């Protein structure tokens, strides 16, 4: 094989693996969006990015396909290696996102046999079964689609998808970094409001007063100087049901409730 043939071969391999990444990132987005939408009883564009892709699924499946191909006919090895690879990627991704954004985007703390709330044995067992199903049932269809796309559009399809993906990553990261500071201010304001009400009505504990803190904001005529979250930041609040913040003790659902209230009041002015 001469140098030119080697380059062509490497380019084709690169194209195929990148298309697998985007295909399985899309499949993961469909799964996550349907699951979160079922939980919230309305459609939710799930995932960290704005586009229809969840990178951790793309990375996980391409890594699994690369690692387990020699063992694809051994169901036990396929299952164990799939569960291991996905668990490692999930743990590293969760740890990295926590450090970067000062928030925990998913939490398995209440699941038995968990490790720091980022991964858990029952979840890993589920991922193992899911990957075996994908490799045996779904992958042949995905492989045919990817091969067709590569033969028809080649590097052009990869470059277009990669450009859109990188733009989405940069745009989302910029908003997510500001998201942490904004939710801290909102969360701290809610905590102060709850304490103020608890002090004011000492004989009625705040736990028994329901959403009185929110009613207080609703009745207030003052123009609060709290930050307004943009569409991307509001979507992040909705997309992660188990989101917890490191910089404030206020629950994400309370932050979302106040954000929606302030937005509604701004519209009605």
Protein backbone atom coordinates (compact mmCIF):
# COMPACT_ATOMS: atom_id res chain seq x y z
CA UNK A 1 0.00 0.00 0.00
CA UNK A 2 1.58 3.29 -1.12
CA UNK A 3 1.47 6.58 0.76
CA UNK A 4 -1.55 7.96 -1.16
CA UNK A 5 -3.55 4.78 -0.59
CA UNK A 6 -2.73 4.92 3.11
CA UNK A 7 -3.99 8.51 3.34
CA UNK A 8 -7.22 7.60 1.54
CA UNK A 9 -7.71 4.62 3.85
CA UNK A 10 -7.10 6.73 6.99
CA UNK A 11 -9.48 9.42 5.76
CA UNK A 12 -12.20 6.85 5.11
CA UNK A 13 -11.69 5.32 8.56
CA UNK A 14 -11.82 8.78 10.15
CA UNK A 15 -15.02 9.62 8.25
CA UNK A 16 -16.71 6.36 9.29
CA UNK A 17 -15.85 6.73 12.99
CA UNK A 18 -16.90 10.38 13.08
CA UNK A 19 -20.22 9.49 11.46
CA UNK A 20 -20.68 6.73 14.05
CA UNK A 21 -20.05 9.33 16.75
CA UNK A 22 -22.73 11.67 15.37
CA UNK A 23 -25.19 8.84 14.67
CA UNK A 24 -25.02 7.42 18.19
CA UNK A 25 -24.95 10.89 19.73
CA UNK A 26 -28.27 11.43 17.94
CA UNK A 27 -29.66 8.05 19.06
CA UNK A 28 -28.69 8.94 22.66
CA UNK A 29 -30.39 12.33 22.34
CA UNK A 30 -33.63 10.64 21.24
CA UNK A 31 -33.46 8.22 24.20
CA UNK A 32 -32.68 10.91 26.79
CA UNK A 33 -35.22 13.38 25.43
CA UNK A 34 -37.99 10.78 25.42
CA UNK A 35 -37.10 9.67 28.96
CA UNK A 36 -36.99 13.19 30.43
CA UNK A 37 -40.11 14.19 28.48
CA UNK A 38 -41.94 11.18 29.94
CA UNK A 39 -40.84 12.25 33.45
CA UNK A 40 -42.01 15.85 32.94
CA UNK A 41 -45.11 14.99 30.87
CA UNK A 42 -44.05 17.37 28.11
CA UNK A 43 -41.43 17.45 25.37
CA UNK A 44 -37.96 18.39 26.64
CA UNK A 45 -34.90 18.86 24.44
CA UNK A 46 -32.56 16.90 26.70
CA UNK A 47 -28.79 16.88 26.73
CA UNK A 48 -26.18 19.50 27.43
CA UNK A 49 -25.88 20.88 23.89
CA UNK A 50 -28.59 22.69 21.95
CA UNK A 51 -28.48 20.44 18.89
CA UNK A 52 -29.88 16.89 18.69
CA UNK A 53 -26.76 15.17 19.97
CA UNK A 54 -25.43 13.97 23.33
CA UNK A 55 -21.65 13.55 22.96
CA UNK A 56 -21.26 11.10 25.86
CA UNK A 57 -23.39 8.59 23.92
CA UNK A 58 -21.35 9.15 20.77
CA UNK A 59 -18.06 8.72 22.62
CA UNK A 60 -19.33 5.69 24.53
CA UNK A 61 -20.61 3.81 21.48
CA UNK A 62 -17.59 4.56 19.28
CA UNK A 63 -15.30 3.45 22.14
CA UNK A 64 -17.37 0.31 22.67
CA UNK A 65 -17.35 -0.53 18.95
CA UNK A 66 -13.59 -0.03 18.79
CA UNK A 67 -12.90 -2.12 21.91
CA UNK A 68 -15.43 -4.92 21.64
CA UNK A 69 -15.38 -5.68 17.92
CA UNK A 70 -13.10 -8.75 18.43
CA UNK A 71 -15.54 -10.01 21.11
CA UNK A 72 -18.82 -9.22 19.34
CA UNK A 73 -19.74 -12.93 19.13
CA UNK A 74 -19.08 -13.55 22.83
CA UNK A 75 -22.15 -12.15 24.59
CA UNK A 76 -20.67 -12.32 28.10
CA UNK A 77 -17.46 -10.50 27.16
CA UNK A 78 -19.45 -8.04 25.04
CA UNK A 79 -21.72 -7.30 28.00
CA UNK A 80 -18.93 -6.91 30.57
CA UNK A 81 -16.66 -4.79 28.37
CA UNK A 82 -19.58 -2.60 27.25
CA UNK A 83 -20.66 -1.95 30.85
CA UNK A 84 -17.06 -1.18 31.86
CA UNK A 85 -16.30 1.20 28.98
CA UNK A 86 -19.56 3.14 29.34
CA UNK A 87 -19.17 3.37 33.14
CA UNK A 88 -15.63 4.78 32.87
CA UNK A 89 -16.73 7.37 30.29
CA UNK A 90 -19.79 8.32 32.36
CA UNK A 91 -17.71 8.77 35.53
CA UNK A 92 -15.01 10.87 33.83
CA UNK A 93 -17.63 12.99 32.05
CA UNK A 94 -19.60 13.59 35.27
CA UNK A 95 -16.45 14.48 37.20
CA UNK A 96 -15.24 16.86 34.49
CA UNK A 97 -18.57 18.66 34.17
CA UNK A 98 -18.83 19.06 37.95
CA UNK A 99 -15.37 20.63 38.15
CA UNK A 100 -15.94 22.92 35.17
CA UNK A 101 -19.49 24.12 35.90
CA UNK A 102 -19.75 23.69 39.71
CA UNK A 103 -22.90 21.59 39.34
CA UNK A 104 -23.83 17.92 39.35
CA UNK A 105 -25.81 17.18 36.20
CA UNK A 106 -26.94 13.67 37.18
CA UNK A 107 -26.90 12.02 40.57
CA UNK A 108 -27.03 8.33 41.45
CA UNK A 109 -26.51 8.90 45.19
CA UNK A 110 -29.82 7.19 45.98
CA UNK A 111 -29.06 4.21 43.76
CA UNK A 112 -27.47 1.23 45.58
CA UNK A 113 -23.78 0.48 44.97
CA UNK A 114 -22.99 3.92 43.56
CA UNK A 115 -19.55 5.52 43.34
CA UNK A 116 -19.61 9.18 44.41
CA UNK A 117 -23.08 9.48 42.88
CA UNK A 118 -21.59 9.58 39.36
CA UNK A 119 -21.98 5.91 38.46
CA UNK A 120 -23.82 2.99 40.04
CA UNK A 121 -23.68 -0.77 39.51
CA UNK A 122 -27.39 -1.18 38.58
CA UNK A 123 -27.06 1.65 36.05
CA UNK A 124 -23.87 0.11 34.62
CA UNK A 125 -25.67 -3.23 34.35
CA UNK A 126 -28.46 -1.50 32.41
CA UNK A 127 -25.95 0.21 30.09
CA UNK A 128 -24.30 -3.15 29.44
CA UNK A 129 -27.62 -4.67 28.36
CA UNK A 130 -28.44 -1.60 26.31
CA UNK A 131 -25.15 -1.69 24.44
CA UNK A 132 -25.49 -5.42 23.71
CA UNK A 133 -28.93 -4.71 22.24
CA UNK A 134 -27.53 -1.83 20.17
CA UNK A 135 -24.56 -3.85 18.87
CA UNK A 136 -26.70 -6.87 17.97
CA UNK A 137 -29.90 -5.21 16.76
CA UNK A 138 -29.45 -1.50 15.98
CA UNK A 139 -25.83 -1.28 14.82
CA UNK A 140 -26.32 -3.18 11.52
CA UNK A 141 -28.87 -0.53 10.46
CA UNK A 142 -26.66 2.33 11.68
CA UNK A 143 -23.65 0.82 9.89
CA UNK A 144 -25.57 0.63 6.59
CA UNK A 145 -26.76 4.23 6.97
CA UNK A 146 -23.26 5.49 7.85
CA UNK A 147 -21.71 3.60 4.92
CA UNK A 148 -24.30 5.07 2.54
CA UNK A 149 -23.69 8.57 3.90
CA UNK A 150 -19.92 8.15 3.59
CA UNK A 151 -20.11 6.82 0.02
CA UNK A 152 -22.42 9.60 -1.09
CA UNK A 153 -21.00 12.63 0.73
CA UNK A 154 -17.68 11.47 2.20
CA UNK A 155 -15.58 14.06 4.01
CA UNK A 156 -18.09 16.82 3.20
CA UNK A 157 -20.72 15.32 5.54
CA UNK A 158 -18.17 14.97 8.34
CA UNK A 159 -16.91 18.55 7.96
CA UNK A 160 -20.43 20.02 7.98
CA UNK A 161 -21.47 18.01 11.05
CA UNK A 162 -18.19 18.76 12.80
CA UNK A 163 -18.50 22.50 12.13
CA UNK A 164 -22.07 22.57 13.48
CA UNK A 165 -21.04 20.50 16.49
CA UNK A 166 -18.06 22.72 17.37
CA UNK A 167 -20.18 25.87 17.06
CA UNK A 168 -22.79 24.30 19.37
CA UNK A 169 -20.10 23.29 21.89
CA UNK A 170 -18.59 26.80 21.97
CA UNK A 171 -21.96 28.53 22.19
CA UNK A 172 -23.23 26.21 24.94
CA UNK A 173 -20.01 26.42 26.96
CA UNK A 174 -20.14 30.22 26.95
CA UNK A 175 -23.71 30.16 28.25
CA UNK A 176 -23.05 27.35 30.75
CA UNK A 177 -20.14 29.18 32.37
CA UNK A 178 -22.37 32.23 32.95
CA UNK A 179 -25.16 29.87 34.05
CA UNK A 180 -23.22 28.90 37.19
CA UNK A 181 -22.77 32.47 38.40
CA UNK A 182 -26.40 33.38 37.62
CA UNK A 183 -27.93 30.37 39.39
CA UNK A 184 -25.75 31.03 42.44
CA UNK A 185 -27.15 34.58 42.76
CA UNK A 186 -30.71 33.35 42.26
CA UNK A 187 -30.25 30.42 44.65
CA UNK A 188 -28.75 32.65 47.35
CA UNK A 189 -31.64 35.11 46.94
CA UNK A 190 -34.17 32.30 47.41
CA UNK A 191 -32.34 31.06 50.52
CA UNK A 192 -32.38 34.60 51.95
CA UNK A 193 -36.09 34.95 51.18
CA UNK A 194 -36.91 31.64 52.90
CA UNK A 195 -34.92 32.68 55.96
CA UNK A 196 -36.63 36.07 56.03
CA UNK A 197 -40.07 34.43 55.99
CA UNK A 198 -39.05 31.86 58.61
CA UNK A 199 -37.86 34.64 60.90
CA UNK A 200 -41.02 36.66 60.26
CA UNK A 201 -43.37 33.77 60.98
CA UNK A 202 -41.42 31.83 63.57
CA UNK A 203 -44.37 29.75 64.70
CA UNK A 204 -45.06 28.49 61.15
CA UNK A 205 -42.00 26.60 59.90
CA UNK A 206 -41.18 27.25 56.27
CA UNK A 207 -41.57 23.53 55.48
CA UNK A 208 -45.25 23.88 56.35
CA UNK A 209 -45.72 27.08 54.42
CA UNK A 210 -45.37 25.46 51.00
CA UNK A 211 -44.25 27.88 48.32
CA UNK A 212 -44.74 31.03 50.43
CA UNK A 213 -41.35 32.33 49.40
CA UNK A 214 -42.50 32.19 45.76
CA UNK A 215 -45.79 33.88 46.63
CA UNK A 216 -43.75 36.64 48.26
CA UNK A 217 -41.90 37.23 45.00
CA UNK A 218 -45.17 37.02 43.07
CA UNK A 219 -46.81 39.70 45.22
CA UNK A 220 -43.77 41.99 45.28
CA UNK A 221 -43.95 45.10 43.14
CA UNK A 222 -40.24 45.73 43.44
CA UNK A 223 -38.00 45.28 40.44
CA UNK A 224 -35.67 42.49 41.57
CA UNK A 225 -32.08 42.83 40.42
CA UNK A 226 -31.62 39.12 39.85
CA UNK A 227 -30.05 37.91 36.58
CA UNK A 228 -32.36 36.77 33.79
CA UNK A 229 -31.49 33.41 32.26
CA UNK A 230 -31.47 33.20 28.48
CA UNK A 231 -33.05 30.39 26.44
CA UNK A 232 -29.99 28.11 26.59
CA UNK A 233 -29.65 28.51 30.37
CA UNK A 234 -33.36 27.91 30.97
CA UNK A 235 -33.16 24.81 28.79
CA UNK A 236 -30.31 23.45 30.91
CA UNK A 237 -32.51 23.79 34.00
CA UNK A 238 -35.30 21.84 32.33
CA UNK A 239 -33.11 19.18 30.70
CA UNK A 240 -31.51 17.78 33.86
CA UNK A 241 -34.14 16.69 36.43
CA UNK A 242 -31.47 15.75 39.01
CA UNK A 243 -29.33 18.86 38.61
CA UNK A 244 -27.76 20.07 41.87
CA UNK A 245 -25.59 23.15 42.36
CA UNK A 246 -22.30 23.19 44.26
CA UNK A 247 -22.30 26.94 44.95
CA UNK A 248 -25.77 27.19 46.49
CA UNK A 249 -27.93 24.88 48.61
CA UNK A 250 -31.11 25.89 46.79
CA UNK A 251 -32.74 23.13 44.74
CA UNK A 252 -32.73 23.47 40.95
CA UNK A 253 -36.54 23.20 40.87
CA UNK A 254 -36.78 26.30 43.12
CA UNK A 255 -34.37 28.21 40.89
CA UNK A 256 -36.42 27.20 37.85
CA UNK A 257 -39.67 28.25 39.56
CA UNK A 258 -38.32 31.74 40.32
CA UNK A 259 -36.78 32.12 36.87
CA UNK A 260 -40.15 31.28 35.26
CA UNK A 261 -41.99 33.66 37.61
CA UNK A 262 -39.67 36.60 36.92
CA UNK A 263 -39.91 35.93 33.19
CA UNK A 264 -43.70 35.84 33.39
CA UNK A 265 -43.81 39.09 35.37
CA UNK A 266 -41.46 40.78 32.86
CA UNK A 267 -43.77 39.74 30.00
CA UNK A 268 -46.87 41.10 31.76
CA UNK A 269 -45.42 44.55 32.38
